[in-house]
């Protein structure tokens, strides 16, 4: 029972600390209203103030499409291919594949 009481007391303490911190660091409503009024009176687009829009003097054209890639024909290995090590899995004739440690 003591463990439950200690856990709930700790949880309540964390909740109270969080609530007090959120009240202390909350934005001031009067300051928030001043900021919103300043943003409404000043347009946020400097180019719009000058009457200039990006790309207004010349027509913007899309870049040309890249040429289509050539498809390489797929080459399937033939059934009579011996592969790298020959039909039995051993090294090709004339090569020694021994490993020394």
N, C-alpha and C. Protein backbone atom coordinates (compact mmCIF):
# COMPACT_ATOMS: atom_id res chain seq x y z
N UNK A 1 0.82 -1.19 0.00
CA UNK A 1 0.00 0.00 0.00
C UNK A 1 0.86 1.26 0.00
N UNK A 2 2.00 1.18 0.68
CA UNK A 2 2.89 2.34 0.74
C UNK A 2 3.47 2.66 -0.65
N UNK A 3 3.73 1.61 -1.44
CA UNK A 3 4.27 1.84 -2.78
C UNK A 3 3.25 2.56 -3.66
N UNK A 4 2.00 2.18 -3.54
CA UNK A 4 0.96 2.83 -4.34
C UNK A 4 0.81 4.29 -3.93
N UNK A 5 0.83 4.54 -2.61
CA UNK A 5 0.71 5.91 -2.12
C UNK A 5 1.90 6.76 -2.60
N UNK A 6 3.10 6.21 -2.55
CA UNK A 6 4.28 6.95 -2.99
C UNK A 6 4.20 7.22 -4.49
N UNK A 7 3.74 6.24 -5.27
CA UNK A 7 3.62 6.43 -6.72
C UNK A 7 2.60 7.49 -7.07
N UNK A 8 1.45 7.47 -6.41
CA UNK A 8 0.43 8.47 -6.68
C UNK A 8 0.86 9.86 -6.21
N UNK A 9 1.58 9.93 -5.10
CA UNK A 9 2.09 11.22 -4.62
C UNK A 9 3.10 11.79 -5.63
N UNK A 10 3.96 10.96 -6.14
CA UNK A 10 4.93 11.41 -7.14
C UNK A 10 4.25 11.86 -8.42
N UNK A 11 3.24 11.12 -8.85
CA UNK A 11 2.49 11.49 -10.04
C UNK A 11 1.78 12.83 -9.86
N UNK A 12 1.20 13.04 -8.69
CA UNK A 12 0.53 14.31 -8.40
C UNK A 12 1.55 15.46 -8.37
N UNK A 13 2.73 15.21 -7.82
CA UNK A 13 3.75 16.25 -7.77
C UNK A 13 4.20 16.64 -9.18
N UNK A 14 4.40 15.66 -10.04
CA UNK A 14 4.80 15.95 -11.42
C UNK A 14 3.70 16.72 -12.14
N UNK A 15 2.45 16.35 -11.91
CA UNK A 15 1.33 17.06 -12.53
C UNK A 15 1.29 18.52 -12.07
N UNK A 16 1.45 18.75 -10.77
CA UNK A 16 1.41 20.12 -10.26
C UNK A 16 2.58 20.96 -10.79
N UNK A 17 3.77 20.38 -10.85
CA UNK A 17 4.93 21.11 -11.38
C UNK A 17 4.70 21.47 -12.84
N UNK A 18 4.14 20.56 -13.62
CA UNK A 18 3.87 20.82 -15.04
C UNK A 18 2.81 21.91 -15.20
N UNK A 19 1.78 21.89 -14.36
CA UNK A 19 0.72 22.90 -14.45
C UNK A 19 1.26 24.28 -14.10
N UNK A 20 2.08 24.39 -13.06
CA UNK A 20 2.66 25.67 -12.67
C UNK A 20 3.60 26.19 -13.76
N UNK A 21 4.40 25.31 -14.34
CA UNK A 21 5.33 25.73 -15.40
C UNK A 21 4.57 26.21 -16.63
N UNK A 22 3.46 25.56 -16.98
CA UNK A 22 2.70 26.00 -18.15
C UNK A 22 2.04 27.36 -17.90
N UNK A 23 1.65 27.63 -16.65
CA UNK A 23 1.09 28.95 -16.34
C UNK A 23 2.16 30.04 -16.38
N UNK A 24 3.37 29.71 -15.93
CA UNK A 24 4.45 30.71 -15.92
C UNK A 24 4.93 31.05 -17.33
N UNK A 25 4.97 30.05 -18.21
CA UNK A 25 5.53 30.26 -19.54
C UNK A 25 4.47 30.47 -20.61
N UNK A 26 3.23 30.66 -20.24
CA UNK A 26 2.16 30.90 -21.20
C UNK A 26 2.33 32.27 -21.84
N UNK A 27 2.01 32.42 -23.13
CA UNK A 27 2.15 33.73 -23.77
C UNK A 27 1.14 34.73 -23.20
N UNK A 28 1.56 35.96 -23.17
CA UNK A 28 0.71 37.04 -22.68
C UNK A 28 -0.36 37.34 -23.74
N UNK A 29 -1.64 37.31 -23.38
CA UNK A 29 -2.69 37.55 -24.38
C UNK A 29 -2.62 38.95 -24.98
N UNK A 30 -2.24 39.96 -24.21
CA UNK A 30 -2.14 41.32 -24.74
C UNK A 30 -1.01 41.41 -25.77
N UNK A 31 0.11 40.78 -25.47
CA UNK A 31 1.23 40.81 -26.40
C UNK A 31 0.87 40.03 -27.68
N UNK A 32 0.17 38.93 -27.53
CA UNK A 32 -0.24 38.14 -28.69
C UNK A 32 -1.16 38.95 -29.60
N UNK A 33 -2.06 39.76 -29.02
CA UNK A 33 -2.96 40.60 -29.81
C UNK A 33 -2.18 41.66 -30.56
N UNK A 34 -1.13 42.23 -29.94
CA UNK A 34 -0.31 43.24 -30.62
C UNK A 34 0.45 42.64 -31.80
N UNK A 35 0.95 41.44 -31.62
CA UNK A 35 1.68 40.78 -32.70
C UNK A 35 0.75 40.49 -33.87
N UNK A 36 -0.45 40.01 -33.60
CA UNK A 36 -1.41 39.72 -34.67
C UNK A 36 -1.83 41.00 -35.39
N UNK A 37 -1.99 42.10 -34.67
CA UNK A 37 -2.36 43.36 -35.30
C UNK A 37 -1.23 43.88 -36.18
N UNK A 38 0.01 43.73 -35.75
CA UNK A 38 1.15 44.18 -36.56
C UNK A 38 1.27 43.34 -37.83
N UNK A 39 1.01 42.06 -37.73
CA UNK A 39 1.10 41.21 -38.92
C UNK A 39 -0.02 41.52 -39.90
N UNK A 40 -1.18 41.90 -39.42
CA UNK A 40 -2.29 42.22 -40.30
C UNK A 40 -2.07 43.53 -41.04
N UNK A 41 -1.39 44.52 -40.40
CA UNK A 41 -1.19 45.82 -41.02
C UNK A 41 -0.04 45.80 -42.02
N UNK A 42 0.92 44.92 -41.86
CA UNK A 42 2.07 44.84 -42.77
C UNK A 42 1.91 43.61 -43.66
N UNK A 43 1.89 43.80 -44.97
CA UNK A 43 1.83 42.61 -45.84
C UNK A 43 3.15 41.84 -45.74
N UNK A 44 3.05 40.57 -45.81
CA UNK A 44 4.23 39.73 -45.64
C UNK A 44 4.97 39.45 -46.93
N UNK A 45 4.52 39.97 -48.06
CA UNK A 45 5.17 39.69 -49.34
C UNK A 45 5.87 40.94 -49.86
N UNK A 46 7.20 41.04 -49.70
CA UNK A 46 7.90 42.23 -50.18
C UNK A 46 7.85 42.38 -51.70
N UNK A 47 7.82 41.29 -52.44
CA UNK A 47 7.72 41.39 -53.89
C UNK A 47 6.34 41.89 -54.31
N UNK A 48 5.32 41.54 -53.54
CA UNK A 48 3.98 42.02 -53.84
C UNK A 48 3.88 43.53 -53.60
N UNK A 49 4.62 44.04 -52.63
CA UNK A 49 4.63 45.48 -52.37
C UNK A 49 5.23 46.23 -53.56
N UNK A 50 6.23 45.64 -54.19
CA UNK A 50 6.88 46.26 -55.35
C UNK A 50 6.11 46.02 -56.64
N UNK A 51 5.16 45.14 -56.63
CA UNK A 51 4.40 44.81 -57.83
C UNK A 51 5.16 43.89 -58.75
N UNK A 52 6.08 43.16 -58.20
CA UNK A 52 6.90 42.25 -58.99
C UNK A 52 6.56 40.82 -58.60
N UNK A 53 6.41 39.99 -59.58
CA UNK A 53 6.19 38.57 -59.32
C UNK A 53 7.33 37.79 -59.95
N UNK A 54 7.79 36.75 -59.35
CA UNK A 54 8.87 35.97 -59.95
C UNK A 54 8.46 35.41 -61.31
N UNK A 55 9.31 35.62 -62.29
CA UNK A 55 9.05 35.10 -63.63
C UNK A 55 8.00 35.86 -64.40
N UNK A 56 7.68 37.11 -64.02
CA UNK A 56 6.64 37.85 -64.71
C UNK A 56 7.12 38.46 -66.02
N UNK A 57 8.41 38.71 -66.18
CA UNK A 57 8.93 39.34 -67.39
C UNK A 57 9.09 38.35 -68.54
N UNK A 58 9.39 37.14 -68.25
CA UNK A 58 9.55 36.13 -69.30
C UNK A 58 8.70 34.92 -68.95
N UNK A 59 8.38 34.18 -69.95
CA UNK A 59 7.56 33.00 -69.75
C UNK A 59 8.42 31.90 -69.18
N UNK A 60 7.94 31.30 -68.15
CA UNK A 60 8.66 30.21 -67.52
C UNK A 60 8.34 28.94 -68.29
N UNK A 61 9.39 28.27 -68.77
CA UNK A 61 9.20 27.04 -69.53
C UNK A 61 9.68 25.87 -68.70
N UNK A 62 9.02 24.77 -68.86
CA UNK A 62 9.43 23.56 -68.16
C UNK A 62 10.71 23.04 -68.80
N UNK A 63 11.60 22.46 -68.01
CA UNK A 63 12.82 21.91 -68.59
C UNK A 63 12.48 20.75 -69.52
N UNK A 64 13.30 20.53 -70.54
CA UNK A 64 13.00 19.43 -71.47
C UNK A 64 13.06 18.09 -70.76
N UNK A 65 12.25 17.19 -71.23
CA UNK A 65 12.21 15.85 -70.64
C UNK A 65 13.49 15.11 -70.97
N UNK A 66 14.02 14.33 -70.03
CA UNK A 66 15.23 13.57 -70.33
C UNK A 66 14.92 12.50 -71.38
N UNK A 67 15.92 12.16 -72.17
CA UNK A 67 15.69 11.14 -73.20
C UNK A 67 15.38 9.80 -72.53
N UNK A 68 14.55 9.00 -73.17
CA UNK A 68 14.21 7.70 -72.56
C UNK A 68 15.44 6.81 -72.53
N UNK A 69 15.55 6.04 -71.47
CA UNK A 69 16.69 5.15 -71.33
C UNK A 69 16.51 3.95 -72.25
N UNK A 70 17.62 3.54 -72.84
CA UNK A 70 17.56 2.37 -73.71
C UNK A 70 17.53 1.13 -72.84
N UNK A 71 16.66 0.23 -73.18
CA UNK A 71 16.55 -0.99 -72.40
C UNK A 71 17.56 -2.00 -72.91
N UNK A 72 18.32 -2.56 -72.00
CA UNK A 72 19.29 -3.57 -72.35
C UNK A 72 18.56 -4.91 -72.45
N UNK A 73 18.84 -5.68 -73.50
CA UNK A 73 18.19 -6.99 -73.58
C UNK A 73 18.69 -7.87 -72.44
N UNK A 74 17.77 -8.54 -71.79
CA UNK A 74 18.18 -9.40 -70.69
C UNK A 74 18.78 -10.68 -71.27
N UNK A 75 19.89 -11.07 -70.72
CA UNK A 75 20.59 -12.25 -71.19
C UNK A 75 20.47 -13.31 -70.11
N UNK A 76 19.80 -14.38 -70.42
CA UNK A 76 19.67 -15.47 -69.47
C UNK A 76 20.83 -16.43 -69.67
N UNK A 77 21.38 -16.96 -68.60
CA UNK A 77 22.49 -17.91 -68.79
C UNK A 77 21.99 -19.17 -69.48
N UNK A 78 22.80 -19.66 -70.36
CA UNK A 78 22.39 -20.86 -71.10
C UNK A 78 22.54 -22.08 -70.20
N UNK A 79 21.85 -23.13 -70.54
CA UNK A 79 21.86 -24.33 -69.68
C UNK A 79 23.18 -25.08 -69.77
N UNK A 80 23.96 -24.87 -70.84
CA UNK A 80 25.23 -25.57 -70.96
C UNK A 80 26.39 -24.74 -70.42
N UNK A 81 26.10 -23.65 -69.73
CA UNK A 81 27.15 -22.81 -69.18
C UNK A 81 27.77 -23.52 -67.98
N UNK A 82 29.08 -23.55 -67.95
CA UNK A 82 29.77 -24.21 -66.84
C UNK A 82 29.97 -23.28 -65.65
N UNK A 83 29.79 -21.99 -65.84
CA UNK A 83 29.95 -21.06 -64.73
C UNK A 83 31.42 -20.79 -64.44
N UNK A 84 31.69 -20.21 -63.32
CA UNK A 84 33.05 -19.82 -62.96
C UNK A 84 33.89 -21.01 -62.58
N UNK A 85 33.34 -21.96 -61.87
CA UNK A 85 34.13 -23.07 -61.36
C UNK A 85 33.93 -24.37 -62.11
N UNK A 86 33.28 -24.32 -63.24
CA UNK A 86 33.11 -25.53 -64.03
C UNK A 86 31.91 -26.32 -63.56
N UNK A 87 31.66 -27.42 -64.22
CA UNK A 87 30.45 -28.19 -63.92
C UNK A 87 30.47 -28.86 -62.55
N UNK A 88 31.63 -29.20 -62.04
CA UNK A 88 31.66 -29.94 -60.77
C UNK A 88 31.90 -29.02 -59.58
N UNK A 89 32.03 -27.73 -59.79
CA UNK A 89 32.26 -26.81 -58.68
C UNK A 89 33.73 -26.67 -58.35
N UNK A 90 34.60 -27.26 -59.12
CA UNK A 90 36.03 -27.15 -58.84
C UNK A 90 36.59 -25.97 -59.62
N UNK A 91 37.81 -25.58 -59.30
CA UNK A 91 38.46 -24.46 -59.96
C UNK A 91 38.77 -24.83 -61.40
N UNK A 92 38.79 -23.84 -62.31
CA UNK A 92 39.13 -24.12 -63.71
C UNK A 92 40.52 -24.73 -63.82
N UNK A 93 40.73 -25.41 -64.91
CA UNK A 93 42.01 -26.09 -65.11
C UNK A 93 43.14 -25.06 -65.13
N UNK A 94 44.22 -25.36 -64.46
CA UNK A 94 45.39 -24.48 -64.44
C UNK A 94 45.41 -23.51 -63.28
N UNK A 95 44.36 -23.46 -62.49
CA UNK A 95 44.33 -22.55 -61.35
C UNK A 95 44.31 -23.35 -60.06
N UNK A 96 45.13 -22.90 -59.12
CA UNK A 96 45.16 -23.55 -57.81
C UNK A 96 44.40 -22.68 -56.82
N UNK A 97 43.35 -23.20 -56.21
CA UNK A 97 42.52 -22.43 -55.29
C UNK A 97 42.77 -22.79 -53.85
N UNK A 98 43.95 -23.29 -53.53
CA UNK A 98 44.22 -23.64 -52.14
C UNK A 98 44.46 -22.38 -51.32
N UNK A 99 44.09 -22.45 -50.06
CA UNK A 99 44.22 -21.32 -49.16
C UNK A 99 45.10 -21.74 -48.00
N UNK A 100 46.11 -20.92 -47.72
CA UNK A 100 46.97 -21.23 -46.58
C UNK A 100 46.77 -20.20 -45.50
N UNK A 101 46.77 -20.65 -44.28
CA UNK A 101 46.52 -19.75 -43.15
C UNK A 101 47.78 -19.58 -42.34
